[in-house]
Amino acid sequence: MWIFKVPETFSSPYCVMKLKTLTFIFLLLVQPFARAEGIEAFYFGGLLGLANTDLSGFGTRATYGFRGGVRLGEKLTSGLYYQVYSTSVSDNAGSADIYVVPLLVELNLHLWKVSEGPFVSLKIGGIRHSAENVTSGFNPPINSRTDFSIGVGGGYNLELIEKNYVYFQIDSFSIDAKPHGYSFFSVVAGYTLEL
């Protein structure tokens, strides 16, 4: 699916900011209609942290992304979670650039309340894992394809000022990508704004 494709230009800070801006405009436009349906608020924000997989040749690398969704009550939020993890692998035969990109629907249960306190998270969707710029003769340790994934996580929300939060989160995803099944683990911190 094209939505999982991660060309080099897409991973630029400019494109990430453009996506955040478009998301913000969309949320502003649909917010009045959503409130009429009982949805309490929208949230969106970014994340930045470290990620790791258990594939040979992979190490801990920077990861970034964004999330956005709706607040369904005092203890429940739901939305989209998007993340980009990239690295390069090589051996005597050559090299390749590797991308692991989850795009998942998340459901977050906040144990105290949405604005502050711990939460647990369930994520279901797809992860695009691709090898690009592969040199001739090199066999990358990952296929270029999209696979179903399920993930779990947990974290802590801290309200800075009204409707502005920082959060710390740990996520773990499993991917059944024959012939390679592997796990994807990340530790992130981020900022969200509730509209």
N, C-alpha and C. Protein backbone atom coordinates (compact mmCIF):
# COMPACT_ATOMS: atom_id res chain seq x y z
N MET A 1 0.84 -1.19 0.00
CA MET A 1 0.00 0.00 0.00
C MET A 1 0.88 1.25 0.00
N TRP A 2 0.49 2.22 -0.78
CA TRP A 2 1.34 3.41 -0.91
C TRP A 2 1.47 4.17 0.39
N ILE A 3 0.47 4.07 1.26
CA ILE A 3 0.51 4.85 2.49
C ILE A 3 1.64 4.41 3.42
N PHE A 4 2.13 3.17 3.21
CA PHE A 4 3.21 2.66 4.04
C PHE A 4 4.58 2.95 3.43
N LYS A 5 4.60 3.47 2.21
CA LYS A 5 5.87 3.72 1.54
C LYS A 5 6.62 4.85 2.21
N VAL A 6 7.94 4.69 2.37
CA VAL A 6 8.74 5.71 3.03
C VAL A 6 9.87 6.14 2.10
N PRO A 7 9.60 6.96 1.10
CA PRO A 7 10.69 7.47 0.27
C PRO A 7 11.58 8.39 1.07
N GLU A 8 12.74 8.66 0.55
CA GLU A 8 13.71 9.47 1.29
C GLU A 8 13.15 10.86 1.61
N THR A 9 12.41 11.44 0.67
CA THR A 9 11.88 12.79 0.91
C THR A 9 10.85 12.81 2.02
N PHE A 10 10.14 11.68 2.22
CA PHE A 10 9.09 11.65 3.23
C PHE A 10 9.63 11.75 4.63
N SER A 11 10.84 11.26 4.82
CA SER A 11 11.41 11.24 6.17
C SER A 11 12.05 12.57 6.55
N SER A 12 11.92 13.59 5.70
CA SER A 12 12.50 14.88 6.02
C SER A 12 11.66 15.61 7.05
N PRO A 13 12.29 16.45 7.87
CA PRO A 13 11.54 17.23 8.87
C PRO A 13 10.45 18.09 8.24
N TYR A 14 10.68 18.60 7.03
CA TYR A 14 9.68 19.44 6.36
C TYR A 14 8.39 18.66 6.11
N CYS A 15 8.52 17.41 5.62
CA CYS A 15 7.34 16.62 5.33
C CYS A 15 6.60 16.24 6.60
N VAL A 16 7.34 15.95 7.65
CA VAL A 16 6.70 15.62 8.92
C VAL A 16 5.90 16.81 9.42
N MET A 17 6.48 18.00 9.34
CA MET A 17 5.77 19.20 9.78
C MET A 17 4.54 19.46 8.90
N LYS A 18 4.65 19.19 7.61
CA LYS A 18 3.52 19.38 6.72
C LYS A 18 2.37 18.45 7.09
N LEU A 19 2.68 17.20 7.41
CA LEU A 19 1.66 16.25 7.83
C LEU A 19 0.99 16.70 9.11
N LYS A 20 1.77 17.20 10.06
CA LYS A 20 1.19 17.69 11.31
C LYS A 20 0.25 18.87 11.05
N THR A 21 0.66 19.76 10.15
CA THR A 21 -0.18 20.92 9.83
C THR A 21 -1.50 20.49 9.20
N LEU A 22 -1.43 19.55 8.25
CA LEU A 22 -2.64 19.06 7.60
C LEU A 22 -3.56 18.36 8.61
N THR A 23 -2.96 17.60 9.52
CA THR A 23 -3.75 16.93 10.55
C THR A 23 -4.44 17.95 11.43
N PHE A 24 -3.73 19.00 11.80
CA PHE A 24 -4.29 20.04 12.65
C PHE A 24 -5.48 20.72 11.96
N ILE A 25 -5.33 21.05 10.67
CA ILE A 25 -6.41 21.70 9.93
C ILE A 25 -7.63 20.77 9.85
N PHE A 26 -7.37 19.50 9.57
CA PHE A 26 -8.47 18.52 9.49
C PHE A 26 -9.23 18.43 10.80
N LEU A 27 -8.49 18.36 11.90
CA LEU A 27 -9.15 18.26 13.20
C LEU A 27 -9.99 19.49 13.51
N LEU A 28 -9.49 20.66 13.15
CA LEU A 28 -10.26 21.88 13.39
C LEU A 28 -11.57 21.88 12.60
N LEU A 29 -11.52 21.34 11.37
CA LEU A 29 -12.70 21.34 10.52
C LEU A 29 -13.77 20.37 11.00
N VAL A 30 -13.35 19.20 11.48
CA VAL A 30 -14.34 18.18 11.83
C VAL A 30 -14.72 18.20 13.30
N GLN A 31 -14.04 18.98 14.10
CA GLN A 31 -14.31 18.99 15.54
C GLN A 31 -15.78 19.30 15.88
N PRO A 32 -16.40 20.32 15.27
CA PRO A 32 -17.80 20.60 15.63
C PRO A 32 -18.74 19.43 15.37
N PHE A 33 -18.51 18.70 14.26
CA PHE A 33 -19.36 17.56 13.95
C PHE A 33 -19.12 16.41 14.93
N ALA A 34 -17.87 16.23 15.32
CA ALA A 34 -17.55 15.15 16.25
C ALA A 34 -18.16 15.40 17.62
N ARG A 35 -18.14 16.63 18.05
CA ARG A 35 -18.72 16.95 19.35
C ARG A 35 -20.22 16.63 19.37
N ALA A 36 -20.88 16.81 18.22
CA ALA A 36 -22.30 16.50 18.14
C ALA A 36 -22.55 15.01 18.28
N GLU A 37 -21.52 14.19 18.00
CA GLU A 37 -21.66 12.75 18.11
C GLU A 37 -21.18 12.22 19.46
N GLY A 38 -20.85 13.08 20.37
CA GLY A 38 -20.47 12.64 21.70
C GLY A 38 -18.98 12.47 21.92
N ILE A 39 -18.17 12.77 20.92
CA ILE A 39 -16.72 12.69 21.09
C ILE A 39 -16.27 13.93 21.86
N GLU A 40 -15.50 13.73 22.90
CA GLU A 40 -15.19 14.83 23.81
C GLU A 40 -14.14 15.80 23.26
N ALA A 41 -13.12 15.29 22.59
CA ALA A 41 -12.05 16.17 22.12
C ALA A 41 -11.16 15.40 21.16
N PHE A 42 -10.35 16.14 20.42
CA PHE A 42 -9.32 15.56 19.58
C PHE A 42 -7.96 15.77 20.23
N TYR A 43 -7.03 14.89 19.90
CA TYR A 43 -5.66 15.10 20.35
C TYR A 43 -4.72 14.81 19.20
N PHE A 44 -3.60 15.47 19.16
CA PHE A 44 -2.57 15.16 18.19
C PHE A 44 -1.23 15.63 18.74
N GLY A 45 -0.17 15.07 18.22
CA GLY A 45 1.15 15.44 18.70
C GLY A 45 2.23 14.60 18.05
N GLY A 46 3.43 14.71 18.57
CA GLY A 46 4.56 14.01 17.99
C GLY A 46 5.24 13.12 19.00
N LEU A 47 6.18 12.33 18.50
CA LEU A 47 6.96 11.47 19.38
C LEU A 47 8.40 11.41 18.87
N LEU A 48 9.31 11.18 19.77
CA LEU A 48 10.73 11.09 19.45
C LEU A 48 11.36 10.17 20.47
N GLY A 49 12.20 9.25 20.01
CA GLY A 49 12.81 8.34 20.97
C GLY A 49 13.79 7.39 20.31
N LEU A 50 13.91 6.20 20.89
CA LEU A 50 14.83 5.18 20.41
C LEU A 50 14.07 3.89 20.13
N ALA A 51 14.52 3.15 19.12
CA ALA A 51 13.87 1.90 18.77
C ALA A 51 14.91 0.85 18.45
N ASN A 52 14.50 -0.40 18.54
CA ASN A 52 15.40 -1.52 18.31
C ASN A 52 14.62 -2.71 17.79
N THR A 53 15.23 -3.50 16.92
CA THR A 53 14.64 -4.78 16.53
C THR A 53 15.64 -5.88 16.86
N ASP A 54 15.16 -7.12 16.82
CA ASP A 54 16.04 -8.23 17.13
C ASP A 54 16.63 -8.87 15.88
N LEU A 55 16.49 -8.22 14.73
CA LEU A 55 17.10 -8.73 13.51
C LEU A 55 18.61 -8.55 13.55
N SER A 56 19.31 -9.50 13.01
CA SER A 56 20.77 -9.42 12.96
C SER A 56 21.18 -8.20 12.14
N GLY A 57 22.09 -7.42 12.67
CA GLY A 57 22.56 -6.24 11.97
C GLY A 57 21.84 -4.97 12.35
N PHE A 58 20.76 -5.10 13.09
CA PHE A 58 20.03 -3.92 13.54
C PHE A 58 20.53 -3.51 14.92
N GLY A 59 20.49 -2.23 15.17
CA GLY A 59 20.84 -1.73 16.49
C GLY A 59 19.85 -0.70 16.94
N THR A 60 20.14 -0.06 18.04
CA THR A 60 19.27 0.99 18.54
C THR A 60 19.45 2.25 17.69
N ARG A 61 18.34 2.78 17.22
CA ARG A 61 18.37 3.95 16.34
C ARG A 61 17.29 4.94 16.78
N ALA A 62 17.42 6.16 16.30
CA ALA A 62 16.40 7.17 16.58
C ALA A 62 15.10 6.81 15.86
N THR A 63 14.00 7.16 16.48
CA THR A 63 12.69 6.97 15.87
C THR A 63 11.85 8.21 16.10
N TYR A 64 10.96 8.51 15.16
CA TYR A 64 10.08 9.66 15.31
C TYR A 64 8.74 9.33 14.67
N GLY A 65 7.74 10.14 14.95
CA GLY A 65 6.44 9.91 14.36
C GLY A 65 5.42 10.89 14.89
N PHE A 66 4.16 10.57 14.69
CA PHE A 66 3.10 11.41 15.24
C PHE A 66 1.89 10.54 15.55
N ARG A 67 0.99 11.09 16.31
CA ARG A 67 -0.22 10.38 16.70
C ARG A 67 -1.36 11.39 16.75
N GLY A 68 -2.55 10.91 16.52
CA GLY A 68 -3.71 11.77 16.59
C GLY A 68 -4.96 10.94 16.74
N GLY A 69 -5.95 11.47 17.40
CA GLY A 69 -7.16 10.70 17.59
C GLY A 69 -8.22 11.46 18.34
N VAL A 70 -9.08 10.73 19.00
CA VAL A 70 -10.21 11.32 19.71
C VAL A 70 -10.22 10.87 21.16
N ARG A 71 -10.73 11.73 21.99
CA ARG A 71 -10.94 11.41 23.39
C ARG A 71 -12.37 10.94 23.55
N LEU A 72 -12.55 9.72 24.03
CA LEU A 72 -13.86 9.10 24.11
C LEU A 72 -14.48 9.20 25.50
N GLY A 73 -13.72 9.63 26.46
CA GLY A 73 -14.23 9.74 27.82
C GLY A 73 -13.13 10.16 28.76
N GLU A 74 -13.39 10.05 30.05
CA GLU A 74 -12.42 10.45 31.05
C GLU A 74 -11.20 9.53 31.08
N LYS A 75 -11.37 8.29 30.59
CA LYS A 75 -10.27 7.33 30.70
C LYS A 75 -9.94 6.63 29.39
N LEU A 76 -10.49 7.08 28.27
CA LEU A 76 -10.31 6.34 27.03
C LEU A 76 -10.03 7.29 25.87
N THR A 77 -8.98 6.98 25.10
CA THR A 77 -8.69 7.68 23.86
C THR A 77 -8.42 6.66 22.77
N SER A 78 -8.63 7.05 21.53
CA SER A 78 -8.39 6.16 20.40
C SER A 78 -7.95 6.99 19.21
N GLY A 79 -7.06 6.43 18.40
CA GLY A 79 -6.59 7.18 17.25
C GLY A 79 -5.58 6.42 16.43
N LEU A 80 -4.79 7.16 15.65
CA LEU A 80 -3.76 6.59 14.79
C LEU A 80 -2.37 6.85 15.37
N TYR A 81 -1.50 5.89 15.17
CA TYR A 81 -0.13 5.95 15.68
C TYR A 81 0.79 5.65 14.51
N TYR A 82 1.68 6.58 14.19
CA TYR A 82 2.58 6.43 13.04
C TYR A 82 4.01 6.64 13.50
N GLN A 83 4.91 5.78 13.04
CA GLN A 83 6.28 5.83 13.53
C GLN A 83 7.25 5.47 12.42
N VAL A 84 8.43 6.05 12.43
CA VAL A 84 9.46 5.77 11.43
C VAL A 84 10.75 5.38 12.13
N TYR A 85 11.29 4.22 11.77
CA TYR A 85 12.57 3.75 12.28
C TYR A 85 13.42 3.38 11.08
N SER A 86 14.62 3.90 10.97
CA SER A 86 15.46 3.61 9.82
C SER A 86 16.89 3.38 10.26
N THR A 87 17.58 2.56 9.48
CA THR A 87 18.98 2.28 9.75
C THR A 87 19.62 1.76 8.46
N SER A 88 20.90 1.53 8.49
CA SER A 88 21.63 0.95 7.37
C SER A 88 22.35 -0.31 7.84
N VAL A 89 22.34 -1.32 6.99
CA VAL A 89 23.04 -2.56 7.30
C VAL A 89 24.00 -2.87 6.16
N SER A 90 25.08 -3.55 6.48
CA SER A 90 26.07 -3.89 5.46
C SER A 90 26.91 -5.08 5.90
N ASP A 91 27.51 -5.72 4.92
CA ASP A 91 28.53 -6.74 5.17
C ASP A 91 29.49 -6.70 3.99
N ASN A 92 30.29 -7.73 3.84
CA ASN A 92 31.27 -7.74 2.76
C ASN A 92 30.64 -7.75 1.37
N ALA A 93 29.36 -8.18 1.30
CA ALA A 93 28.69 -8.27 0.01
C ALA A 93 28.05 -6.96 -0.43
N GLY A 94 27.78 -6.07 0.50
CA GLY A 94 27.14 -4.82 0.12
C GLY A 94 26.37 -4.20 1.27
N SER A 95 25.37 -3.39 0.94
CA SER A 95 24.64 -2.67 1.98
C SER A 95 23.21 -2.39 1.53
N ALA A 96 22.39 -1.93 2.49
CA ALA A 96 21.01 -1.55 2.21
C ALA A 96 20.53 -0.60 3.30
N ASP A 97 19.57 0.25 2.93
CA ASP A 97 18.89 1.10 3.91
C ASP A 97 17.60 0.40 4.32
N ILE A 98 17.38 0.30 5.62
CA ILE A 98 16.24 -0.43 6.16
C ILE A 98 15.26 0.54 6.81
N TYR A 99 13.97 0.36 6.52
CA TYR A 99 12.91 1.13 7.16
C TYR A 99 11.92 0.18 7.82
N VAL A 100 11.53 0.50 9.04
CA VAL A 100 10.44 -0.20 9.73
C VAL A 100 9.43 0.88 10.12
N VAL A 101 8.23 0.79 9.57
CA VAL A 101 7.26 1.89 9.72
C VAL A 101 5.91 1.35 10.17
N PRO A 102 5.58 1.43 11.45
CA PRO A 102 4.24 1.04 11.91
C PRO A 102 3.21 2.14 11.63
N LEU A 103 2.06 1.75 11.16
CA LEU A 103 0.88 2.62 11.09
C LEU A 103 -0.26 1.82 11.69
N LEU A 104 -0.67 2.18 12.90
CA LEU A 104 -1.59 1.37 13.67
C LEU A 104 -2.71 2.19 14.28
N VAL A 105 -3.82 1.53 14.52
CA VAL A 105 -4.90 2.11 15.30
C VAL A 105 -4.63 1.80 16.76
N GLU A 106 -4.65 2.81 17.61
CA GLU A 106 -4.37 2.58 19.02
C GLU A 106 -5.60 2.85 19.87
N LEU A 107 -5.73 2.07 20.93
CA LEU A 107 -6.77 2.26 21.94
C LEU A 107 -6.07 2.37 23.28
N ASN A 108 -6.21 3.51 23.93
CA ASN A 108 -5.49 3.78 25.17
C ASN A 108 -6.45 3.85 26.35
N LEU A 109 -6.18 3.04 27.36
CA LEU A 109 -6.96 3.08 28.59
C LEU A 109 -6.14 3.81 29.65
N HIS A 110 -6.63 4.94 30.09
CA HIS A 110 -5.94 5.76 31.09
C HIS A 110 -6.44 5.35 32.48
N LEU A 111 -5.53 4.93 33.33
CA LEU A 111 -5.93 4.33 34.60
C LEU A 111 -6.49 5.35 35.57
N TRP A 112 -6.01 6.60 35.50
CA TRP A 112 -6.54 7.64 36.38
C TRP A 112 -7.48 8.53 35.59
N LYS A 113 -6.93 9.31 34.70
CA LYS A 113 -7.70 10.17 33.82
C LYS A 113 -6.82 10.51 32.63
N VAL A 114 -7.44 11.03 31.57
CA VAL A 114 -6.71 11.30 30.34
C VAL A 114 -5.61 12.33 30.55
N SER A 115 -5.88 13.34 31.34
CA SER A 115 -4.95 14.46 31.44
C SER A 115 -3.66 14.12 32.17
N GLU A 116 -3.71 13.16 33.10
CA GLU A 116 -2.50 12.87 33.87
C GLU A 116 -2.58 11.48 34.47
N GLY A 117 -1.45 10.78 34.43
CA GLY A 117 -1.38 9.47 35.04
C GLY A 117 -1.00 8.38 34.05
N PRO A 118 -0.90 7.14 34.52
CA PRO A 118 -0.47 6.03 33.67
C PRO A 118 -1.56 5.58 32.70
N PHE A 119 -1.13 4.95 31.61
CA PHE A 119 -2.08 4.39 30.65
C PHE A 119 -1.49 3.14 30.02
N VAL A 120 -2.36 2.27 29.54
CA VAL A 120 -1.95 1.09 28.78
C VAL A 120 -2.53 1.22 27.38
N SER A 121 -1.87 0.61 26.41
CA SER A 121 -2.21 0.84 25.02
C SER A 121 -2.21 -0.46 24.23
N LEU A 122 -3.22 -0.62 23.37
CA LEU A 122 -3.30 -1.73 22.43
C LEU A 122 -3.28 -1.14 21.03
N LYS A 123 -2.44 -1.71 20.15
CA LYS A 123 -2.29 -1.17 18.80
C LYS A 123 -2.43 -2.31 17.79
N ILE A 124 -3.23 -2.08 16.76
CA ILE A 124 -3.44 -3.07 15.71
C ILE A 124 -3.36 -2.36 14.36
N GLY A 125 -2.63 -2.96 13.41
CA GLY A 125 -2.53 -2.34 12.10
C GLY A 125 -1.50 -3.04 11.24
N GLY A 126 -0.75 -2.25 10.51
CA GLY A 126 0.26 -2.80 9.62
C GLY A 126 1.61 -2.17 9.85
N ILE A 127 2.65 -2.93 9.55
CA ILE A 127 4.01 -2.40 9.62
C ILE A 127 4.68 -2.64 8.27
N ARG A 128 5.12 -1.56 7.69
CA ARG A 128 5.87 -1.64 6.44
C ARG A 128 7.34 -1.80 6.78
N HIS A 129 7.93 -2.91 6.35
CA HIS A 129 9.36 -3.10 6.57
C HIS A 129 9.99 -3.29 5.19
N SER A 130 10.92 -2.41 4.87
CA SER A 130 11.45 -2.39 3.51
C SER A 130 12.95 -2.20 3.49
N ALA A 131 13.55 -2.76 2.46
CA ALA A 131 14.98 -2.58 2.19
C ALA A 131 15.10 -1.76 0.91
N GLU A 132 15.76 -0.63 0.98
CA GLU A 132 15.92 0.25 -0.17
C GLU A 132 17.40 0.53 -0.42
N ASN A 133 17.69 0.95 -1.64
CA ASN A 133 19.08 1.23 -2.05
C ASN A 133 19.97 0.02 -1.81
N VAL A 134 19.46 -1.15 -2.18
CA VAL A 134 20.21 -2.39 -1.98
C VAL A 134 21.27 -2.52 -3.07
N THR A 135 22.51 -2.73 -2.68
CA THR A 135 23.58 -2.93 -3.66
C THR A 135 23.54 -4.36 -4.18
N SER A 136 23.98 -4.52 -5.41
CA SER A 136 23.93 -5.81 -6.08
C SER A 136 24.69 -6.87 -5.29
N GLY A 137 24.05 -8.01 -5.12
CA GLY A 137 24.69 -9.12 -4.43
C GLY A 137 24.43 -9.16 -2.94
N PHE A 138 23.86 -8.10 -2.39
CA PHE A 138 23.60 -8.05 -0.95
C PHE A 138 22.22 -8.62 -0.65
N ASN A 139 22.13 -9.47 0.36
CA ASN A 139 20.86 -10.06 0.77
C ASN A 139 20.43 -9.43 2.09
N PRO A 140 19.55 -8.42 2.04
CA PRO A 140 19.15 -7.73 3.28
C PRO A 140 18.36 -8.66 4.20
N PRO A 141 18.44 -8.43 5.51
CA PRO A 141 17.77 -9.31 6.48
C PRO A 141 16.29 -8.99 6.65
N ILE A 142 15.67 -8.39 5.64
CA ILE A 142 14.27 -7.99 5.77
C ILE A 142 13.64 -7.91 4.38
N ASN A 143 12.36 -8.23 4.29
CA ASN A 143 11.65 -8.15 3.03
C ASN A 143 11.01 -6.78 2.87
N SER A 144 10.78 -6.38 1.62
CA SER A 144 10.05 -5.14 1.36
C SER A 144 8.57 -5.48 1.20
N ARG A 145 7.84 -5.36 2.29
CA ARG A 145 6.43 -5.73 2.28
C ARG A 145 5.75 -5.13 3.50
N THR A 146 4.43 -5.23 3.52
CA THR A 146 3.64 -4.77 4.65
C THR A 146 2.96 -5.97 5.30
N ASP A 147 3.07 -6.08 6.60
CA ASP A 147 2.49 -7.19 7.33
C ASP A 147 1.61 -6.70 8.46
N PHE A 148 0.64 -7.54 8.81
CA PHE A 148 -0.22 -7.26 9.95
C PHE A 148 0.63 -7.26 11.22
N SER A 149 0.27 -6.39 12.14
CA SER A 149 1.01 -6.33 13.40
C SER A 149 0.06 -5.99 14.54
N ILE A 150 0.41 -6.48 15.70
CA ILE A 150 -0.30 -6.12 16.92
C ILE A 150 0.74 -5.71 17.95
N GLY A 151 0.44 -4.70 18.70
CA GLY A 151 1.40 -4.19 19.67
C GLY A 151 0.73 -3.83 20.98
N VAL A 152 1.53 -3.81 22.01
CA VAL A 152 1.06 -3.37 23.32
C VAL A 152 2.05 -2.34 23.85
N GLY A 153 1.57 -1.50 24.73
CA GLY A 153 2.44 -0.48 25.28
C GLY A 153 1.88 0.09 26.56
N GLY A 154 2.61 1.01 27.09
CA GLY A 154 2.17 1.67 28.30
C GLY A 154 3.00 2.92 28.52
N GLY A 155 2.48 3.82 29.31
CA GLY A 155 3.22 5.05 29.53
C GLY A 155 2.58 5.90 30.60
N TYR A 156 2.97 7.16 30.57
CA TYR A 156 2.52 8.10 31.60
C TYR A 156 2.29 9.46 30.98
N ASN A 157 1.13 10.03 31.21
CA ASN A 157 0.81 11.38 30.75
C ASN A 157 1.03 12.38 31.87
N LEU A 158 1.57 13.53 31.52
CA LEU A 158 1.79 14.59 32.49
C LEU A 158 1.27 15.89 31.90
N GLU A 159 0.30 16.52 32.54
CA GLU A 159 -0.29 17.76 32.03
C GLU A 159 0.60 18.94 32.40
N LEU A 160 1.09 19.64 31.37
CA LEU A 160 1.93 20.82 31.61
C LEU A 160 1.06 22.02 31.97
N ILE A 161 0.20 22.38 31.05
CA ILE A 161 -0.82 23.39 31.29
C ILE A 161 -2.11 22.81 30.72
N GLU A 162 -3.19 23.50 30.86
CA GLU A 162 -4.48 22.96 30.45
C GLU A 162 -4.47 22.48 29.00
N LYS A 163 -4.80 21.21 28.80
CA LYS A 163 -4.92 20.57 27.49
C LYS A 163 -3.58 20.43 26.76
N ASN A 164 -2.47 20.58 27.44
CA ASN A 164 -1.15 20.36 26.86
C ASN A 164 -0.42 19.33 27.70
N TYR A 165 0.01 18.24 27.06
CA TYR A 165 0.58 17.13 27.81
C TYR A 165 1.94 16.72 27.23
N VAL A 166 2.78 16.21 28.09
CA VAL A 166 3.93 15.43 27.65
C VAL A 166 3.68 13.99 28.08
N TYR A 167 4.25 13.06 27.35
CA TYR A 167 4.05 11.66 27.71
C TYR A 167 5.33 10.87 27.47
N PHE A 168 5.44 9.79 28.20
CA PHE A 168 6.56 8.86 28.07
C PHE A 168 5.94 7.48 27.85
N GLN A 169 6.45 6.77 26.87
CA GLN A 169 5.77 5.55 26.47
C GLN A 169 6.76 4.48 26.02
N ILE A 170 6.43 3.24 26.30
CA ILE A 170 7.18 2.07 25.84
C ILE A 170 6.23 1.22 25.01
N ASP A 171 6.65 0.85 23.81
CA ASP A 171 5.82 0.04 22.92
C ASP A 171 6.60 -1.18 22.44
N SER A 172 5.88 -2.27 22.22
CA SER A 172 6.47 -3.48 21.66
C SER A 172 5.53 -4.03 20.60
N PHE A 173 6.07 -4.27 19.39
CA PHE A 173 5.27 -4.79 18.29
C PHE A 173 5.84 -6.13 17.85
N SER A 174 4.96 -7.03 17.42
CA SER A 174 5.42 -8.30 16.85
C SER A 174 4.97 -8.37 15.40
N ILE A 175 5.83 -8.88 14.54
CA ILE A 175 5.55 -8.95 13.12
C ILE A 175 5.81 -10.37 12.64
N ASP A 176 4.80 -10.98 12.03
CA ASP A 176 4.95 -12.31 11.46
C ASP A 176 5.25 -12.15 9.98
N ALA A 177 6.51 -11.91 9.67
CA ALA A 177 6.92 -11.60 8.30
C ALA A 177 7.75 -12.75 7.76
N LYS A 178 7.08 -13.78 7.25
CA LYS A 178 7.80 -14.96 6.76
C LYS A 178 8.73 -14.58 5.62
N PRO A 179 9.97 -15.08 5.58
CA PRO A 179 10.52 -16.06 6.54
C PRO A 179 11.08 -15.43 7.81
N HIS A 180 10.93 -14.11 7.96
CA HIS A 180 11.48 -13.44 9.13
C HIS A 180 10.36 -12.95 10.03
N GLY A 181 10.23 -13.52 11.20
CA GLY A 181 9.35 -12.95 12.21
C GLY A 181 10.24 -12.23 13.22
N TYR A 182 9.84 -11.07 13.63
CA TYR A 182 10.70 -10.33 14.56
C TYR A 182 9.86 -9.40 15.42
N SER A 183 10.50 -8.82 16.40
CA SER A 183 9.83 -7.87 17.29
C SER A 183 10.45 -6.49 17.12
N PHE A 184 9.68 -5.50 17.43
CA PHE A 184 10.08 -4.10 17.29
C PHE A 184 9.77 -3.42 18.61
N PHE A 185 10.76 -2.79 19.19
CA PHE A 185 10.64 -2.24 20.53
C PHE A 185 11.06 -0.78 20.52
N SER A 186 10.29 0.08 21.16
CA SER A 186 10.65 1.49 21.16
C SER A 186 10.35 2.14 22.51
N VAL A 187 11.16 3.12 22.83
CA VAL A 187 10.96 3.95 24.02
C VAL A 187 10.89 5.39 23.52
N VAL A 188 9.77 6.05 23.74
CA VAL A 188 9.57 7.38 23.16
C VAL A 188 9.06 8.37 24.20
N ALA A 189 9.28 9.62 23.90
CA ALA A 189 8.68 10.71 24.65
C ALA A 189 8.02 11.63 23.63
N GLY A 190 6.97 12.30 24.03
CA GLY A 190 6.28 13.13 23.06
C GLY A 190 5.46 14.22 23.70
N TYR A 191 4.80 14.96 22.84
CA TYR A 191 3.96 16.07 23.27
C TYR A 191 2.62 15.98 22.55
N THR A 192 1.54 16.16 23.26
CA THR A 192 0.22 16.16 22.64
C THR A 192 -0.56 17.40 23.05
N LEU A 193 -1.41 17.82 22.15
CA LEU A 193 -2.30 18.95 22.40
C LEU A 193 -3.72 18.47 22.21
N GLU A 194 -4.57 18.77 23.17
CA GLU A 194 -5.98 18.40 23.07
C GLU A 194 -6.77 19.60 22.60
N LEU A 195 -7.55 19.40 21.55
CA LEU A 195 -8.33 20.50 20.96
C LEU A 195 -9.72 20.56 21.56
